N, C-alpha and C. Protein backbone atom coordinates (compact mmCIF):
# COMPACT_ATOMS: atom_id res chain seq x y z
N MET A 1 -99.47 -156.86 69.18
CA MET A 1 -100.52 -157.86 70.10
C MET A 1 -101.40 -158.89 69.69
N THR A 2 -101.71 -159.74 69.98
CA THR A 2 -102.86 -160.59 69.73
C THR A 2 -103.75 -160.94 70.98
N THR A 3 -105.03 -160.80 70.54
CA THR A 3 -105.94 -160.52 71.77
C THR A 3 -105.87 -161.81 72.87
N GLU A 4 -105.34 -163.27 71.79
CA GLU A 4 -104.99 -164.19 73.27
C GLU A 4 -103.95 -163.59 74.08
N GLU A 5 -102.77 -162.84 73.46
CA GLU A 5 -101.71 -162.13 74.05
C GLU A 5 -102.14 -161.48 75.25
N LYS A 6 -103.11 -160.29 74.32
CA LYS A 6 -103.80 -159.16 75.44
C LYS A 6 -104.42 -159.57 76.72
N GLN A 7 -105.40 -160.94 76.55
CA GLN A 7 -105.96 -161.44 77.60
C GLN A 7 -105.21 -161.93 78.51
N GLN A 8 -104.22 -162.65 78.44
CA GLN A 8 -103.37 -163.05 79.61
C GLN A 8 -102.64 -161.99 80.18
N ARG A 9 -102.55 -160.57 79.74
CA ARG A 9 -102.09 -159.75 80.43
C ARG A 9 -102.58 -158.97 80.93
N SER A 10 -102.81 -158.30 82.68
CA SER A 10 -103.12 -157.36 83.58
C SER A 10 -102.70 -156.29 83.05
N HIS A 11 -103.76 -154.81 83.19
CA HIS A 11 -103.36 -153.77 82.94
C HIS A 11 -102.17 -153.28 83.70
N ARG A 12 -102.25 -153.78 84.89
CA ARG A 12 -100.84 -153.77 86.30
C ARG A 12 -99.80 -154.23 85.41
N ASP A 13 -99.41 -155.09 83.78
CA ASP A 13 -98.31 -155.19 83.09
C ASP A 13 -97.78 -154.16 82.37
N PHE A 14 -98.94 -153.38 82.33
CA PHE A 14 -98.52 -152.43 80.91
C PHE A 14 -97.88 -151.19 81.73
N PRO A 15 -96.31 -150.76 81.04
CA PRO A 15 -95.82 -149.53 81.62
C PRO A 15 -96.54 -148.13 81.67
N VAL A 16 -97.28 -148.18 80.99
CA VAL A 16 -97.79 -146.98 80.49
C VAL A 16 -99.19 -146.77 81.60
N TRP A 17 -99.86 -148.13 82.12
CA TRP A 17 -100.47 -147.64 83.31
C TRP A 17 -99.55 -147.85 84.45
N LYS A 18 -98.77 -148.11 84.57
CA LYS A 18 -97.93 -147.65 85.85
C LYS A 18 -97.21 -146.05 86.00
N ALA A 19 -96.96 -145.55 84.69
CA ALA A 19 -96.79 -144.52 84.25
C ALA A 19 -97.66 -143.59 84.67
N ALA A 20 -99.08 -143.65 84.40
CA ALA A 20 -100.25 -142.93 84.48
C ALA A 20 -100.80 -143.15 86.18
N MET A 21 -100.27 -143.69 86.76
CA MET A 21 -100.64 -144.50 87.87
C MET A 21 -99.62 -143.09 88.88
N LEU A 22 -98.56 -142.92 88.86
CA LEU A 22 -97.47 -142.04 88.81
C LEU A 22 -97.85 -140.72 88.77
N LEU A 23 -98.35 -140.38 87.61
CA LEU A 23 -98.81 -139.04 87.17
C LEU A 23 -100.15 -138.76 88.27
N ALA A 24 -101.37 -139.59 88.45
CA ALA A 24 -102.02 -139.56 89.38
C ALA A 24 -101.71 -138.70 90.77
N GLU A 25 -100.99 -139.74 91.35
CA GLU A 25 -100.03 -139.31 92.22
C GLU A 25 -99.53 -138.04 92.67
N THR A 26 -98.98 -137.60 91.39
CA THR A 26 -98.33 -136.39 91.55
C THR A 26 -99.23 -135.36 91.43
N VAL A 27 -100.24 -135.82 90.80
CA VAL A 27 -101.08 -134.85 90.55
C VAL A 27 -102.30 -134.28 92.03
N TYR A 28 -102.45 -135.72 92.66
CA TYR A 28 -103.35 -135.30 94.04
C TYR A 28 -102.25 -134.89 94.77
N ASP A 29 -101.01 -134.98 94.71
CA ASP A 29 -99.68 -134.22 95.45
C ASP A 29 -100.04 -132.55 94.95
N ILE A 30 -100.06 -132.52 94.18
CA ILE A 30 -99.82 -130.84 93.76
C ILE A 30 -101.13 -130.09 93.98
N SER A 31 -102.23 -130.83 93.79
CA SER A 31 -103.72 -130.30 93.66
C SER A 31 -103.83 -130.16 95.77
N ALA A 32 -103.23 -130.94 96.32
CA ALA A 32 -103.65 -130.84 97.91
C ALA A 32 -103.17 -129.38 98.01
N LYS A 33 -102.18 -128.67 97.47
CA LYS A 33 -101.97 -127.53 98.00
C LYS A 33 -102.63 -126.47 97.25
N PHE A 34 -103.46 -126.71 96.43
CA PHE A 34 -104.56 -125.44 96.06
C PHE A 34 -104.94 -124.85 97.11
N PRO A 35 -105.71 -123.59 96.90
CA PRO A 35 -106.39 -122.87 97.83
C PRO A 35 -107.73 -124.11 97.83
N ALA A 36 -108.09 -123.98 99.22
CA ALA A 36 -109.24 -124.20 100.11
C ALA A 36 -110.51 -124.26 99.33
N ASP A 37 -111.06 -122.93 98.68
CA ASP A 37 -111.96 -122.27 97.61
C ASP A 37 -112.20 -123.36 96.46
N GLU A 38 -110.75 -124.00 95.88
CA GLU A 38 -110.78 -124.50 94.68
C GLU A 38 -111.40 -126.10 94.82
N ARG A 39 -111.29 -126.43 95.85
CA ARG A 39 -111.92 -128.01 96.28
C ARG A 39 -113.07 -128.53 95.64
N PHE A 40 -114.28 -127.82 95.06
CA PHE A 40 -115.22 -128.26 94.28
C PHE A 40 -114.98 -127.80 92.64
N GLY A 41 -113.80 -127.41 92.84
CA GLY A 41 -113.52 -126.81 91.34
C GLY A 41 -112.54 -127.36 90.72
N LEU A 42 -111.47 -126.66 90.34
CA LEU A 42 -110.28 -127.31 89.79
C LEU A 42 -109.85 -128.49 90.33
N ILE A 43 -109.67 -128.29 91.90
CA ILE A 43 -109.11 -129.43 92.35
C ILE A 43 -109.80 -130.98 91.91
N ALA A 44 -111.22 -130.65 91.93
CA ALA A 44 -112.01 -132.06 91.39
C ALA A 44 -111.67 -132.27 90.25
N GLN A 45 -111.82 -131.17 89.44
CA GLN A 45 -111.79 -131.84 87.81
C GLN A 45 -110.42 -132.02 87.98
N ILE A 46 -109.09 -131.62 87.90
CA ILE A 46 -107.86 -131.65 87.54
C ILE A 46 -107.69 -133.49 88.31
N ARG A 47 -108.30 -133.84 89.39
CA ARG A 47 -108.13 -135.01 90.03
C ARG A 47 -108.92 -136.24 89.00
N ARG A 48 -110.28 -135.23 88.78
CA ARG A 48 -110.92 -136.94 87.79
C ARG A 48 -110.08 -136.94 86.51
N SER A 49 -109.66 -135.81 86.14
CA SER A 49 -108.56 -136.48 84.72
C SER A 49 -107.85 -137.19 85.05
N ALA A 50 -106.84 -136.79 85.96
CA ALA A 50 -105.78 -137.45 86.30
C ALA A 50 -105.96 -139.13 86.33
N VAL A 51 -107.22 -139.44 86.99
CA VAL A 51 -107.76 -140.55 87.41
C VAL A 51 -107.96 -141.54 86.08
N SER A 52 -108.89 -140.47 85.34
CA SER A 52 -109.40 -141.29 84.12
C SER A 52 -108.03 -142.04 83.57
N ILE A 53 -106.74 -141.48 83.26
CA ILE A 53 -106.04 -142.23 82.49
C ILE A 53 -105.55 -143.59 83.18
N PRO A 54 -105.39 -144.01 83.94
CA PRO A 54 -105.32 -145.27 84.28
C PRO A 54 -106.28 -146.05 84.48
N SER A 55 -107.09 -145.22 84.66
CA SER A 55 -108.87 -146.19 84.73
C SER A 55 -109.35 -146.46 83.27
N ASN A 56 -108.89 -145.43 82.38
CA ASN A 56 -109.18 -145.87 80.90
C ASN A 56 -108.68 -147.40 80.58
N ILE A 57 -107.16 -146.94 80.82
CA ILE A 57 -106.20 -148.03 80.31
C ILE A 57 -106.54 -149.36 80.85
N ALA A 58 -107.50 -149.44 82.16
CA ALA A 58 -107.66 -150.70 83.12
C ALA A 58 -108.77 -151.32 82.14
N GLU A 59 -109.46 -150.20 81.90
CA GLU A 59 -110.40 -151.06 81.42
C GLU A 59 -110.65 -151.48 79.75
N GLY A 60 -109.87 -150.72 79.41
CA GLY A 60 -109.91 -151.03 77.80
C GLY A 60 -108.87 -152.56 78.05
N ALA A 61 -108.04 -153.23 78.95
CA ALA A 61 -107.18 -153.82 79.22
C ALA A 61 -108.42 -155.28 79.65
N GLY A 62 -109.24 -154.73 80.45
CA GLY A 62 -110.01 -155.71 80.16
C GLY A 62 -111.20 -155.93 79.33
N ARG A 63 -111.14 -155.42 78.21
CA ARG A 63 -112.21 -156.18 77.43
C ARG A 63 -111.90 -156.94 76.61
N SER A 64 -112.60 -157.46 75.80
CA SER A 64 -112.32 -158.75 75.21
C SER A 64 -111.32 -158.72 73.40
N SER A 65 -111.18 -157.81 73.04
CA SER A 65 -110.85 -157.24 72.24
C SER A 65 -109.87 -156.06 72.02
N THR A 66 -109.03 -156.41 71.02
CA THR A 66 -107.52 -155.35 70.57
C THR A 66 -108.43 -154.24 70.61
N GLY A 67 -109.36 -154.18 69.58
CA GLY A 67 -109.62 -152.85 68.93
C GLY A 67 -110.18 -151.90 70.19
N GLU A 68 -111.14 -152.74 71.03
CA GLU A 68 -111.46 -152.02 72.08
C GLU A 68 -110.82 -151.53 73.33
N LEU A 69 -109.44 -152.13 73.02
CA LEU A 69 -108.60 -151.81 74.21
C LEU A 69 -107.83 -150.24 73.44
N GLY A 70 -107.54 -150.43 71.87
CA GLY A 70 -107.56 -149.25 71.53
C GLY A 70 -108.07 -148.08 71.57
N HIS A 71 -109.71 -148.62 71.36
CA HIS A 71 -110.44 -147.25 71.51
C HIS A 71 -110.11 -146.30 73.20
N PHE A 72 -110.24 -147.18 74.34
CA PHE A 72 -110.02 -146.85 75.54
C PHE A 72 -108.43 -146.42 75.82
N LEU A 73 -107.41 -147.07 74.72
CA LEU A 73 -106.09 -145.73 75.15
C LEU A 73 -106.24 -144.49 74.41
N GLY A 74 -107.51 -143.85 73.47
CA GLY A 74 -108.07 -143.07 73.39
C GLY A 74 -108.47 -142.08 73.41
N ILE A 75 -109.35 -142.75 74.61
CA ILE A 75 -110.31 -142.31 75.61
C ILE A 75 -109.24 -141.62 76.84
N ALA A 76 -108.16 -142.19 76.73
CA ALA A 76 -107.26 -142.37 78.08
C ALA A 76 -105.97 -140.61 77.47
N LEU A 77 -105.82 -141.03 76.14
CA LEU A 77 -105.56 -139.64 75.10
C LEU A 77 -105.73 -138.75 75.24
N GLY A 78 -107.44 -138.33 75.46
CA GLY A 78 -108.36 -137.49 75.67
C GLY A 78 -108.06 -136.61 77.30
N SER A 79 -108.15 -137.83 78.03
CA SER A 79 -107.64 -137.51 79.16
C SER A 79 -106.41 -136.66 79.64
N VAL A 80 -105.29 -136.88 78.82
CA VAL A 80 -104.02 -136.74 78.95
C VAL A 80 -104.19 -135.30 78.36
N ALA A 81 -104.53 -134.53 77.30
CA ALA A 81 -105.19 -133.48 76.88
C ALA A 81 -105.70 -132.75 77.80
N GLU A 82 -106.81 -133.09 78.64
CA GLU A 82 -107.89 -132.16 79.21
C GLU A 82 -106.87 -131.72 80.73
N LEU A 83 -106.15 -132.98 81.08
CA LEU A 83 -105.35 -133.15 82.14
C LEU A 83 -104.16 -131.89 82.18
N GLU A 84 -103.68 -131.66 80.76
CA GLU A 84 -102.42 -130.83 80.63
C GLU A 84 -103.50 -129.18 80.38
N THR A 85 -104.66 -129.02 80.10
CA THR A 85 -105.05 -127.74 79.84
C THR A 85 -105.25 -127.16 81.05
N GLN A 86 -105.77 -128.24 82.10
CA GLN A 86 -106.11 -128.27 83.55
C GLN A 86 -104.88 -127.35 84.60
N LEU A 87 -103.20 -128.10 84.16
CA LEU A 87 -102.70 -128.17 84.71
C LEU A 87 -101.76 -126.68 84.08
N GLU A 88 -102.13 -126.31 83.10
CA GLU A 88 -101.74 -124.87 82.72
C GLU A 88 -102.53 -123.67 83.34
N LEU A 89 -104.13 -124.19 83.09
CA LEU A 89 -104.77 -123.39 83.94
C LEU A 89 -104.34 -123.13 85.46
N ALA A 90 -104.12 -124.05 85.97
CA ALA A 90 -103.04 -123.86 87.60
C ALA A 90 -102.34 -122.87 87.62
N ASP A 91 -101.26 -123.21 86.49
CA ASP A 91 -100.30 -122.41 86.61
C ASP A 91 -100.63 -120.77 85.97
N ARG A 92 -101.26 -120.62 84.98
CA ARG A 92 -101.40 -119.30 84.80
C ARG A 92 -102.35 -118.43 85.81
N LEU A 93 -103.38 -119.50 86.38
CA LEU A 93 -104.05 -118.75 87.34
C LEU A 93 -103.01 -118.52 89.03
N ASN A 94 -101.75 -119.09 89.11
CA ASN A 94 -100.60 -118.94 90.12
C ASN A 94 -100.90 -119.73 91.46
N LEU A 95 -102.03 -120.76 91.07
CA LEU A 95 -102.53 -121.70 91.94
C LEU A 95 -101.17 -122.59 92.37
N THR A 96 -100.07 -122.70 91.63
CA THR A 96 -99.57 -123.62 91.78
C THR A 96 -97.78 -123.37 90.97
N ASP A 97 -96.94 -123.45 91.27
CA ASP A 97 -95.64 -123.35 90.70
C ASP A 97 -94.59 -124.62 90.81
N ASP A 98 -95.55 -125.56 90.99
CA ASP A 98 -95.08 -127.32 91.08
C ASP A 98 -95.37 -128.09 90.17
N THR A 99 -96.17 -127.59 88.74
CA THR A 99 -96.31 -128.70 87.95
C THR A 99 -95.66 -129.22 87.16
N GLU A 100 -93.87 -128.81 87.00
CA GLU A 100 -93.17 -129.19 86.04
C GLU A 100 -92.81 -130.44 85.64
N GLU A 101 -92.82 -131.67 87.48
CA GLU A 101 -92.37 -133.16 87.49
C GLU A 101 -93.73 -133.52 86.17
N ALA A 102 -95.13 -132.86 86.65
CA ALA A 102 -96.43 -133.33 86.23
C ALA A 102 -96.03 -133.48 84.87
N PHE A 103 -95.85 -132.11 84.38
CA PHE A 103 -96.22 -131.95 82.81
C PHE A 103 -94.76 -133.15 82.08
N GLU A 104 -93.94 -133.26 82.74
CA GLU A 104 -93.24 -134.19 82.41
C GLU A 104 -93.22 -135.60 82.33
N GLN A 105 -93.93 -136.26 82.83
CA GLN A 105 -94.51 -137.55 83.62
C GLN A 105 -95.85 -137.52 82.55
N LEU A 106 -96.76 -135.98 82.36
CA LEU A 106 -97.69 -136.33 81.27
C LEU A 106 -97.16 -136.46 79.83
N GLU A 107 -96.27 -136.05 79.44
CA GLU A 107 -95.68 -136.09 77.87
C GLU A 107 -95.00 -137.43 77.87
N ASP A 108 -94.58 -138.18 79.21
CA ASP A 108 -94.15 -139.13 79.03
C ASP A 108 -95.22 -140.32 79.03
N VAL A 109 -96.31 -140.24 79.74
CA VAL A 109 -97.54 -141.14 79.60
C VAL A 109 -98.11 -140.85 78.02
N ARG A 110 -98.52 -139.72 77.54
CA ARG A 110 -98.61 -139.29 76.35
C ARG A 110 -97.73 -140.19 75.48
N LYS A 111 -96.95 -140.07 75.05
CA LYS A 111 -95.73 -140.61 74.31
C LYS A 111 -96.03 -142.39 74.25
N GLN A 112 -96.37 -143.09 75.48
CA GLN A 112 -96.02 -143.85 75.50
C GLN A 112 -97.81 -144.81 75.36
N LEU A 113 -98.67 -143.81 75.83
CA LEU A 113 -100.12 -144.46 74.73
C LEU A 113 -100.04 -144.60 73.15
N ILE A 114 -99.55 -143.27 72.85
CA ILE A 114 -99.58 -143.14 71.28
C ILE A 114 -98.70 -144.35 70.87
N LEU A 115 -97.66 -144.92 71.42
CA LEU A 115 -97.00 -145.80 70.59
C LEU A 115 -97.39 -147.34 70.92
N PHE A 116 -98.06 -147.53 72.14
CA PHE A 116 -99.17 -148.69 72.71
C PHE A 116 -100.16 -148.82 71.51
N ARG A 117 -100.77 -147.80 71.40
CA ARG A 117 -101.68 -147.60 70.32
C ARG A 117 -101.52 -147.78 69.13
N ARG A 118 -100.29 -147.54 68.23
CA ARG A 118 -99.73 -148.16 67.30
C ARG A 118 -99.18 -149.26 67.50
N SER A 119 -99.06 -149.86 68.61
CA SER A 119 -98.60 -151.39 68.06
C SER A 119 -99.57 -152.28 67.87
N LEU A 120 -100.62 -151.81 68.27
CA LEU A 120 -102.15 -152.71 68.39
C LEU A 120 -102.63 -152.59 66.72
N LYS A 121 -102.31 -151.63 66.19
CA LYS A 121 -102.58 -151.68 64.79
C LYS A 121 -101.73 -152.20 64.37
N SER A 122 -100.66 -152.59 63.99
CA SER A 122 -99.64 -153.67 63.08
C SER A 122 -99.26 -154.74 63.70
């Protein structure tokens, strides 16, 4: 993708951004069922991680170069790993048994981010 092509597209056009938004919605739904005493703990942290993924995709899309987009896609990948860890912890702490869909969406987003980054380098 050339810089000119990237500048002509909105982050809303990227399938990975759409998938990341769905993941964030799923995480909000799951975390709403956590115990109230986790409101300022894992709930806040897990939601920040989930929101960070589409936010970094959008920020990268708004930058002026393909290299910067790739950088922010890398940050989004880091947030995917962070969210995966937090969902795993929620499972281990028996805060939820409702993470299967989130893990499937998370893996889809991870794969899309990796492929998107690779496409920028070629």
